[in-house]
Each structure stands twice: as C-alpha cells, then as structure tokens.
Amino acid sequence: MDCMDTELFTAEREWTVDGIPVLTARLSLPRPVDQKSRIGKRIDRFYQLQSRSYLRYCEKLLFPASQADYRQALALSSPLPLNTAELTCRVTCAQSGVLSVSTLMRECIGGRRNVMQRGDTWDLRSGYPLPLSAFFPKRYPIRKTLLKCAETEIRRRQEQGISLYHDAWQQELRRAFNRENFYLTPDGLRFFWQMGSIAPPMEGIPTFCLPFSEDGCRWPTDELLR
C-alpha cells in the first residue's frame, strides 16, 4: 500500500460533580477510510486503543484532580473551575508508503497548562511503525547528527531573539533526547523535545527539522519498506 486515506474519529466526554461539569475531554484521531484491509485494520486498532486509553486516563487521573479543585473552590467561595483535556492529531505526511501522524495532548487542570506531543510514523506496506533508524544508513551517528542540528538551530534562534531556552539547555538537550520523538513532513524529519525540557513552557514544544538528503537523512528505501 503506497498511500492511505484517513478521516477523523472524534469523541467527547464530560464528568460532573453534583450535576456540575468539572472536566471535559475531547479527542480527534485518524481513522483509515478503508478499515477492511489488513493494514487499515491494524492502524485503526492502534488509534482506537489510544482513544480508549486516553479517556481512561482522564477518568482515573484528571477527574479526581478536577473533583478536588471543585471542592476547594466551594470551600473558598471561589468561581467554580472547569478543567479541560484535549487530544488532537495532524497527519503530517502521507506518501510513498509512509503515513506520519503528530498528536498533541493539551491539559488545563487547576489553572496549570501542559502540552505533550507524540509522533507515529507507519510503514504502509507492513502496517508497523518505522523507527528513527529507518531514515538513516546503517551504523549512522543518528543521535550526534540530530543534536548537532538542534544546537545549530537553537544558537540561530537565540542570536535572532526568536526563542528563549534554559541556561543549561546544552546539557538538557542531551539528557532529554528521545529517539521516539519524531514525525515526517514532505520536506524532512521533524524531531522535538517536550514542553519545559529545554526551554520555558511558554515556548511550547521545541521542534527542529533535518531535511531529507542532508546529513544522511533519507526517505526510506523501497528495499526497507518491503
């Protein structure tokens, strides 16, 4: 399978205390239009499981926190809070046997905002995720290459006053590096660090791009995708 058409699967949930909403959750995740094929079924199962897991996470962890916020507001005669959680997706690349998806999990609980990102890149000929190593030659220094790319871009952004980073960002960059934090766009490989790991939370998700054909980065070969 060289390409896959997807549509959005959406769901909403609301949790209440004393009949008053204290937490709302929304999600939108990709769903293959063709859910009968072997590959379509496999990818659909993954995102359906992710949607159920996310709603369980909201119920088991975020709802109790929202209940506590509600009780505290009542005790202090403060405005009643309504916490929110959202899981959204974006198909960033769908061509030449590859489907790449970026998902964002946003929360506002007790006035505290948090964002986390996830990337999934699928081989449409096998139905399995592609690892970061699929986009580089064998025994290539992937970690060193991506860290160097990120360092160069961070220095450029700092010189131009575009972004702020922690004073110890160089150490944090290496310590918080995660080989699973990537997704594809048609022009290259995007890799990222989670919010707050190397920069102040107001900077969001620090993301960098290594273009294909630069520093060993390549589109997966036909041989690899068989």
C-alpha atoms as a PDB file:
ATOM      1  CA  MET A   1       0.000   0.000   0.000  1.00  0.00           C
ATOM      2  CA  ASP A   2       1.569   3.291  -1.135  1.00  0.00           C
ATOM      3  CA  CYS A   3      -0.923   5.682   0.436  1.00  0.00           C
ATOM      4  CA  MET A   4      -3.786   5.690   2.910  1.00  0.00           C
ATOM      5  CA  ASP A   5      -6.794   7.985   3.085  1.00  0.00           C
ATOM      6  CA  THR A   6      -7.806   8.877   6.626  1.00  0.00           C
ATOM      7  CA  GLU A   7     -10.704  10.609   8.310  1.00  0.00           C
ATOM      8  CA  LEU A   8     -11.064  11.954  11.829  1.00  0.00           C
ATOM      9  CA  PHE A   9     -12.554   9.893  14.620  1.00  0.00           C
ATOM     10  CA  THR A  10     -13.856  12.261  17.305  1.00  0.00           C
ATOM     11  CA  ALA A  11     -15.255  11.786  20.797  1.00  0.00           C
ATOM     12  CA  GLU A  12     -16.235  13.948  23.768  1.00  0.00           C
ATOM     13  CA  ARG A  13     -16.767  13.159  27.446  1.00  0.00           C
ATOM     14  CA  GLU A  14     -17.911  15.225  30.403  1.00  0.00           C
ATOM     15  CA  TRP A  15     -17.534  14.471  34.113  1.00  0.00           C
ATOM     16  CA  THR A  16     -19.709  16.175  36.712  1.00  0.00           C
ATOM     17  CA  VAL A  17     -19.905  16.655  40.471  1.00  0.00           C
ATOM     18  CA  ASP A  18     -23.320  17.444  41.954  1.00  0.00           C
ATOM     19  CA  GLY A  19     -24.561  17.780  38.393  1.00  0.00           C
ATOM     20  CA  ILE A  20     -21.999  20.481  37.591  1.00  0.00           C
ATOM     21  CA  PRO A  21     -19.380  19.856  34.875  1.00  0.00           C
ATOM     22  CA  VAL A  22     -15.842  19.856  36.293  1.00  0.00           C
ATOM     23  CA  LEU A  23     -13.921  18.213  33.434  1.00  0.00           C
ATOM     24  CA  THR A  24     -14.444  17.975  29.690  1.00  0.00           C
ATOM     25  CA  ALA A  25     -12.346  15.876  27.326  1.00  0.00           C
ATOM     26  CA  ARG A  26     -12.238  15.945  23.547  1.00  0.00           C
ATOM     27  CA  LEU A  27     -10.236  13.837  21.145  1.00  0.00           C
ATOM     28  CA  SER A  28      -9.757  13.559  17.413  1.00  0.00           C
ATOM     29  CA  LEU A  29      -7.583  10.805  15.980  1.00  0.00           C
ATOM     30  CA  PRO A  30      -7.019   9.448  12.479  1.00  0.00           C
ATOM     31  CA  ARG A  31      -9.059   6.539  11.207  1.00  0.00           C
ATOM     32  CA  PRO A  32      -8.335   4.784   7.892  1.00  0.00           C
ATOM     33  CA  VAL A  33     -11.174   5.177   5.418  1.00  0.00           C
ATOM     34  CA  ASP A  34     -10.535   1.567   4.370  1.00  0.00           C
ATOM     35  CA  GLN A  35     -10.877  -0.349   7.632  1.00  0.00           C
ATOM     36  CA  LYS A  36     -11.243  -3.744   5.947  1.00  0.00           C
ATOM     37  CA  SER A  37      -7.704  -4.163   4.666  1.00  0.00           C
ATOM     38  CA  ARG A  38      -5.087  -5.829   6.867  1.00  0.00           C
ATOM     39  CA  ILE A  39      -3.052  -2.631   7.159  1.00  0.00           C
ATOM     40  CA  GLY A  40      -6.112  -0.465   7.717  1.00  0.00           C
ATOM     41  CA  LYS A  41      -7.354  -2.731  10.497  1.00  0.00           C
ATOM     42  CA  ARG A  42      -4.002  -2.726  12.262  1.00  0.00           C
ATOM     43  CA  ILE A  43      -3.609   1.063  12.240  1.00  0.00           C
ATOM     44  CA  ASP A  44      -7.261   1.569  13.168  1.00  0.00           C
ATOM     45  CA  ARG A  45      -6.889  -0.745  16.182  1.00  0.00           C
ATOM     46  CA  PHE A  46      -3.901   1.267  17.381  1.00  0.00           C
ATOM     47  CA  TYR A  47      -5.722   4.615  17.370  1.00  0.00           C
ATOM     48  CA  GLN A  48      -8.962   3.175  18.750  1.00  0.00           C
ATOM     49  CA  LEU A  49      -6.931   1.750  21.635  1.00  0.00           C
ATOM     50  CA  GLN A  50      -5.238   5.123  22.087  1.00  0.00           C
ATOM     51  CA  SER A  51      -8.614   6.866  22.277  1.00  0.00           C
ATOM     52  CA  ARG A  52      -9.911   4.447  24.934  1.00  0.00           C
ATOM     53  CA  SER A  53      -6.675   4.707  26.920  1.00  0.00           C
ATOM     54  CA  TYR A  54      -6.847   8.490  26.836  1.00  0.00           C
ATOM     55  CA  LEU A  55     -10.414   8.601  28.142  1.00  0.00           C
ATOM     56  CA  ARG A  56      -9.469   6.162  30.924  1.00  0.00           C
ATOM     57  CA  TYR A  57      -6.525   8.411  31.795  1.00  0.00           C
ATOM     58  CA  CYS A  58      -8.889  11.387  32.036  1.00  0.00           C
ATOM     59  CA  GLU A  59     -11.297   9.460  34.259  1.00  0.00           C
ATOM     60  CA  LYS A  60      -8.724   7.854  36.565  1.00  0.00           C
ATOM     61  CA  LEU A  61      -6.275  10.762  36.953  1.00  0.00           C
ATOM     62  CA  LEU A  62      -7.730  14.066  35.760  1.00  0.00           C
ATOM     63  CA  PHE A  63     -11.260  13.650  37.113  1.00  0.00           C
ATOM     64  CA  PRO A  64     -10.161  13.165  40.763  1.00  0.00           C
ATOM     65  CA  ALA A  65      -7.962  16.262  40.463  1.00  0.00           C
ATOM     66  CA  SER A  66     -10.917  18.156  38.986  1.00  0.00           C
ATOM     67  CA  GLN A  67     -13.138  16.997  41.847  1.00  0.00           C
ATOM     68  CA  ALA A  68     -10.594  18.323  44.336  1.00  0.00           C
ATOM     69  CA  ASP A  69     -10.444  21.666  42.511  1.00  0.00           C
ATOM     70  CA  TYR A  70     -14.236  21.869  42.634  1.00  0.00           C
ATOM     71  CA  ARG A  71     -14.433  21.093  46.358  1.00  0.00           C
ATOM     72  CA  GLN A  72     -11.713  23.615  47.140  1.00  0.00           C
ATOM     73  CA  ALA A  73     -13.481  26.310  45.114  1.00  0.00           C
ATOM     74  CA  LEU A  74     -16.713  25.651  47.031  1.00  0.00           C
ATOM     75  CA  ALA A  75     -14.910  25.875  50.357  1.00  0.00           C
ATOM     76  CA  LEU A  76     -13.289  29.181  49.404  1.00  0.00           C
ATOM     77  CA  SER A  77     -16.393  30.579  47.663  1.00  0.00           C
ATOM     78  CA  SER A  78     -14.281  30.951  44.520  1.00  0.00           C
ATOM     79  CA  PRO A  79     -15.521  30.674  40.914  1.00  0.00           C
ATOM     80  CA  LEU A  80     -16.144  27.038  40.075  1.00  0.00           C
ATOM     81  CA  PRO A  81     -13.441  25.674  37.736  1.00  0.00           C
ATOM     82  CA  LEU A  82     -13.982  23.731  34.544  1.00  0.00           C
ATOM     83  CA  ASN A  83     -10.884  21.745  33.673  1.00  0.00           C
ATOM     84  CA  THR A  84     -10.255  20.683  30.087  1.00  0.00           C
ATOM     85  CA  ALA A  85      -8.298  17.975  28.273  1.00  0.00           C
ATOM     86  CA  GLU A  86      -7.818  17.561  24.551  1.00  0.00           C
ATOM     87  CA  LEU A  87      -6.076  15.043  22.322  1.00  0.00           C
ATOM     88  CA  THR A  88      -5.741  16.127  18.692  1.00  0.00           C
ATOM     89  CA  CYS A  89      -3.895  14.768  15.688  1.00  0.00           C
ATOM     90  CA  ARG A  90      -2.426  16.045  12.452  1.00  0.00           C
ATOM     91  CA  VAL A  91      -1.437  13.855   9.514  1.00  0.00           C
ATOM     92  CA  THR A  92       1.892  15.417   8.584  1.00  0.00           C
ATOM     93  CA  CYS A  93       2.885  13.138   5.703  1.00  0.00           C
ATOM     94  CA  ALA A  94       1.060  10.528   3.635  1.00  0.00           C
ATOM     95  CA  GLN A  95       3.003   9.471   0.557  1.00  0.00           C
ATOM     96  CA  SER A  96       5.269   6.805  -0.929  1.00  0.00           C
ATOM     97  CA  GLY A  97       4.311   4.063   1.506  1.00  0.00           C
ATOM     98  CA  VAL A  98       4.566   6.160   4.663  1.00  0.00           C
ATOM     99  CA  LEU A  99       1.934   7.664   6.981  1.00  0.00           C
ATOM    100  CA  SER A 100       3.164  10.051   9.684  1.00  0.00           C
ATOM    101  CA  VAL A 101       0.960  11.466  12.423  1.00  0.00           C
ATOM    102  CA  SER A 102       1.641  14.067  15.122  1.00  0.00           C
ATOM    103  CA  THR A 103      -0.614  14.085  18.179  1.00  0.00           C
ATOM    104  CA  LEU A 104      -0.863  16.763  20.870  1.00  0.00           C
ATOM    105  CA  MET A 105      -2.234  16.268  24.366  1.00  0.00           C
ATOM    106  CA  ARG A 106      -3.286  19.562  25.985  1.00  0.00           C
ATOM    107  CA  GLU A 107      -4.484  19.907  29.561  1.00  0.00           C
ATOM    108  CA  CYS A 108      -5.666  22.770  31.727  1.00  0.00           C
ATOM    109  CA  ILE A 109      -6.067  21.390  35.238  1.00  0.00           C
ATOM    110  CA  GLY A 110      -6.348  23.699  38.216  1.00  0.00           C
ATOM    111  CA  GLY A 111      -5.192  26.618  36.088  1.00  0.00           C
ATOM    112  CA  ARG A 112      -1.998  24.765  35.127  1.00  0.00           C
ATOM    113  CA  ARG A 113      -1.462  24.233  31.428  1.00  0.00           C
ATOM    114  CA  ASN A 114       0.549  21.374  29.962  1.00  0.00           C
ATOM    115  CA  VAL A 115       1.179  20.135  26.433  1.00  0.00           C
ATOM    116  CA  MET A 116       2.778  16.870  25.328  1.00  0.00           C
ATOM    117  CA  GLN A 117       3.478  15.678  21.799  1.00  0.00           C
ATOM    118  CA  ARG A 118       3.783  12.267  20.218  1.00  0.00           C
ATOM    119  CA  GLY A 119       4.858  11.202  16.752  1.00  0.00           C
ATOM    120  CA  ASP A 120       3.947   7.980  14.913  1.00  0.00           C
ATOM    121  CA  THR A 121       5.293   7.025  11.505  1.00  0.00           C
ATOM    122  CA  TRP A 122       3.856   3.951   9.808  1.00  0.00           C
ATOM    123  CA  ASP A 123       5.165   1.698   7.062  1.00  0.00           C
ATOM    124  CA  LEU A 124       2.046   1.227   4.933  1.00  0.00           C
ATOM    125  CA  ARG A 125       3.424  -1.936   3.366  1.00  0.00           C
ATOM    126  CA  SER A 126       3.724  -3.801   6.640  1.00  0.00           C
ATOM    127  CA  GLY A 127       1.418  -1.856   8.945  1.00  0.00           C
ATOM    128  CA  TYR A 128       4.134  -1.452  11.557  1.00  0.00           C
ATOM    129  CA  PRO A 129       5.763   1.712  12.949  1.00  0.00           C
ATOM    130  CA  LEU A 130       9.071   2.839  11.457  1.00  0.00           C
ATOM    131  CA  PRO A 131      11.918   3.542  13.896  1.00  0.00           C
ATOM    132  CA  LEU A 132      14.159   6.577  13.635  1.00  0.00           C
ATOM    133  CA  SER A 133      16.937   4.376  12.238  1.00  0.00           C
ATOM    134  CA  ALA A 134      14.822   3.711   9.118  1.00  0.00           C
ATOM    135  CA  PHE A 135      15.715   7.183   7.851  1.00  0.00           C
ATOM    136  CA  PHE A 136      19.495   6.856   8.047  1.00  0.00           C
ATOM    137  CA  PRO A 137      22.164   4.476   6.723  1.00  0.00           C
ATOM    138  CA  LYS A 138      23.205   1.580   8.920  1.00  0.00           C
ATOM    139  CA  ARG A 139      25.505   2.449  11.832  1.00  0.00           C
ATOM    140  CA  TYR A 140      24.980   6.162  11.194  1.00  0.00           C
ATOM    141  CA  PRO A 141      25.573   8.501  14.194  1.00  0.00           C
ATOM    142  CA  ILE A 142      21.904   9.496  14.420  1.00  0.00           C
ATOM    143  CA  ARG A 143      21.886  10.950  17.926  1.00  0.00           C
ATOM    144  CA  LYS A 144      25.003  13.025  17.284  1.00  0.00           C
ATOM    145  CA  THR A 145      23.576  14.313  13.992  1.00  0.00           C
ATOM    146  CA  LEU A 146      20.236  15.387  15.459  1.00  0.00           C
ATOM    147  CA  LEU A 147      21.818  17.012  18.497  1.00  0.00           C
ATOM    148  CA  LYS A 148      24.175  18.988  16.272  1.00  0.00           C
ATOM    149  CA  CYS A 149      21.253  20.103  14.081  1.00  0.00           C
ATOM    150  CA  ALA A 150      19.265  21.213  17.137  1.00  0.00           C
ATOM    151  CA  GLU A 151      22.244  23.041  18.677  1.00  0.00           C
ATOM    152  CA  THR A 152      22.884  24.971  15.462  1.00  0.00           C
ATOM    153  CA  GLU A 153      19.236  25.994  15.185  1.00  0.00           C
ATOM    154  CA  ILE A 154      18.981  26.973  18.860  1.00  0.00           C
ATOM    155  CA  ARG A 155      22.016  29.251  18.544  1.00  0.00           C
ATOM    156  CA  ARG A 156      20.488  30.845  15.439  1.00  0.00           C
ATOM    157  CA  ARG A 157      17.185  31.447  17.228  1.00  0.00           C
ATOM    158  CA  GLN A 158      18.960  32.900  20.245  1.00  0.00           C
ATOM    159  CA  GLU A 159      21.046  35.262  18.113  1.00  0.00           C
ATOM    160  CA  GLN A 160      17.900  36.499  16.367  1.00  0.00           C
ATOM    161  CA  GLY A 161      15.933  36.744  19.616  1.00  0.00           C
ATOM    162  CA  ILE A 162      13.296  34.344  18.298  1.00  0.00           C
ATOM    163  CA  SER A 163      13.171  31.924  21.233  1.00  0.00           C
ATOM    164  CA  LEU A 164      14.260  31.537  24.839  1.00  0.00           C
ATOM    165  CA  TYR A 165      15.990  28.467  26.234  1.00  0.00           C
ATOM    166  CA  HIS A 166      17.173  27.384  29.672  1.00  0.00           C
ATOM    167  CA  ASP A 167      20.674  28.402  30.703  1.00  0.00           C
ATOM    168  CA  ALA A 168      21.665  24.718  30.784  1.00  0.00           C
ATOM    169  CA  TRP A 169      19.952  23.832  27.500  1.00  0.00           C
ATOM    170  CA  GLN A 170      23.029  22.079  26.087  1.00  0.00           C
ATOM    171  CA  GLN A 171      23.070  19.552  28.930  1.00  0.00           C
ATOM    172  CA  GLU A 172      19.288  19.217  28.918  1.00  0.00           C
ATOM    173  CA  LEU A 173      19.259  18.672  25.161  1.00  0.00           C
ATOM    174  CA  ARG A 174      21.353  15.530  25.573  1.00  0.00           C
ATOM    175  CA  ARG A 175      19.705  14.335  28.764  1.00  0.00           C
ATOM    176  CA  ALA A 176      16.134  14.633  27.436  1.00  0.00           C
ATOM    177  CA  PHE A 177      16.803  13.331  23.905  1.00  0.00           C
ATOM    178  CA  ASN A 178      14.254  10.664  22.933  1.00  0.00           C
ATOM    179  CA  ARG A 179      14.563   8.677  19.697  1.00  0.00           C
ATOM    180  CA  GLU A 180      10.775   8.240  19.563  1.00  0.00           C
ATOM    181  CA  ASN A 181      10.041  11.974  19.447  1.00  0.00           C
ATOM    182  CA  PHE A 182       9.826  12.499  15.692  1.00  0.00           C
ATOM    183  CA  TYR A 183       7.474  12.602  12.726  1.00  0.00           C
ATOM    184  CA  LEU A 184       7.823  13.262   8.999  1.00  0.00           C
ATOM    185  CA  THR A 185       6.814  16.118   6.742  1.00  0.00           C
ATOM    186  CA  PRO A 186       7.302  16.056   2.958  1.00  0.00           C
ATOM    187  CA  ASP A 187      10.491  18.123   3.268  1.00  0.00           C
ATOM    188  CA  GLY A 188      12.203  16.351   6.135  1.00  0.00           C
ATOM    189  CA  LEU A 189      12.317  14.709   9.523  1.00  0.00           C
ATOM    190  CA  ARG A 190      10.923  16.751  12.413  1.00  0.00           C
ATOM    191  CA  PHE A 191      12.206  15.922  15.884  1.00  0.00           C
ATOM    192  CA  PHE A 192      11.231  17.561  19.137  1.00  0.00           C
ATOM    193  CA  TRP A 193      11.650  17.901  22.890  1.00  0.00           C
ATOM    194  CA  GLN A 194       8.722  18.011  25.291  1.00  0.00           C
ATOM    195  CA  MET A 195       7.496  21.299  26.733  1.00  0.00           C
ATOM    196  CA  GLY A 196       9.647  22.584  29.571  1.00  0.00           C
ATOM    197  CA  SER A 197      12.527  20.149  28.986  1.00  0.00           C
ATOM    198  CA  ILE A 198      14.984  22.570  27.323  1.00  0.00           C
ATOM    199  CA  ALA A 199      13.045  25.863  27.249  1.00  0.00           C
ATOM    200  CA  PRO A 200      10.453  27.710  29.351  1.00  0.00           C
ATOM    201  CA  PRO A 201       6.921  26.292  28.999  1.00  0.00           C
ATOM    202  CA  MET A 202       5.808  29.433  27.148  1.00  0.00           C
ATOM    203  CA  GLU A 203       7.988  28.284  24.214  1.00  0.00           C
ATOM    204  CA  GLY A 204       5.756  25.248  23.691  1.00  0.00           C
ATOM    205  CA  ILE A 205       7.253  22.160  22.018  1.00  0.00           C
ATOM    206  CA  PRO A 206      10.773  22.913  20.689  1.00  0.00           C
ATOM    207  CA  THR A 207      10.826  21.339  17.220  1.00  0.00           C
ATOM    208  CA  PHE A 208      13.597  21.094  14.643  1.00  0.00           C
ATOM    209  CA  CYS A 209      13.845  19.849  11.058  1.00  0.00           C
ATOM    210  CA  LEU A 210      16.523  17.823   9.324  1.00  0.00           C
ATOM    211  CA  PRO A 211      15.810  17.977   5.562  1.00  0.00           C
ATOM    212  CA  PHE A 212      15.959  14.790   3.546  1.00  0.00           C
ATOM    213  CA  SER A 213      19.290  14.269   1.745  1.00  0.00           C
ATOM    214  CA  GLU A 214      21.120  16.330   4.401  1.00  0.00           C
ATOM    215  CA  ASP A 215      23.478  14.764   6.971  1.00  0.00           C
ATOM    216  CA  GLY A 216      22.495  11.239   5.974  1.00  0.00           C
ATOM    217  CA  CYS A 217      18.757  11.756   6.401  1.00  0.00           C
ATOM    218  CA  ARG A 218      16.834   9.958   3.660  1.00  0.00           C
ATOM    219  CA  TRP A 219      13.402   8.758   2.691  1.00  0.00           C
ATOM    220  CA  PRO A 220      13.037   5.034   3.479  1.00  0.00           C
ATOM    221  CA  THR A 221      14.124   2.961   0.518  1.00  0.00           C
ATOM    222  CA  ASP A 222      11.874   0.520  -1.300  1.00  0.00           C
ATOM    223  CA  GLU A 223      14.090  -2.291  -0.023  1.00  0.00           C
ATOM    224  CA  LEU A 224      13.473  -1.193   3.573  1.00  0.00           C
ATOM    225  CA  LEU A 225       9.720  -0.949   3.115  1.00  0.00           C
ATOM    226  CA  ARG A 226       9.243  -4.404   1.625  1.00  0.00           C
END
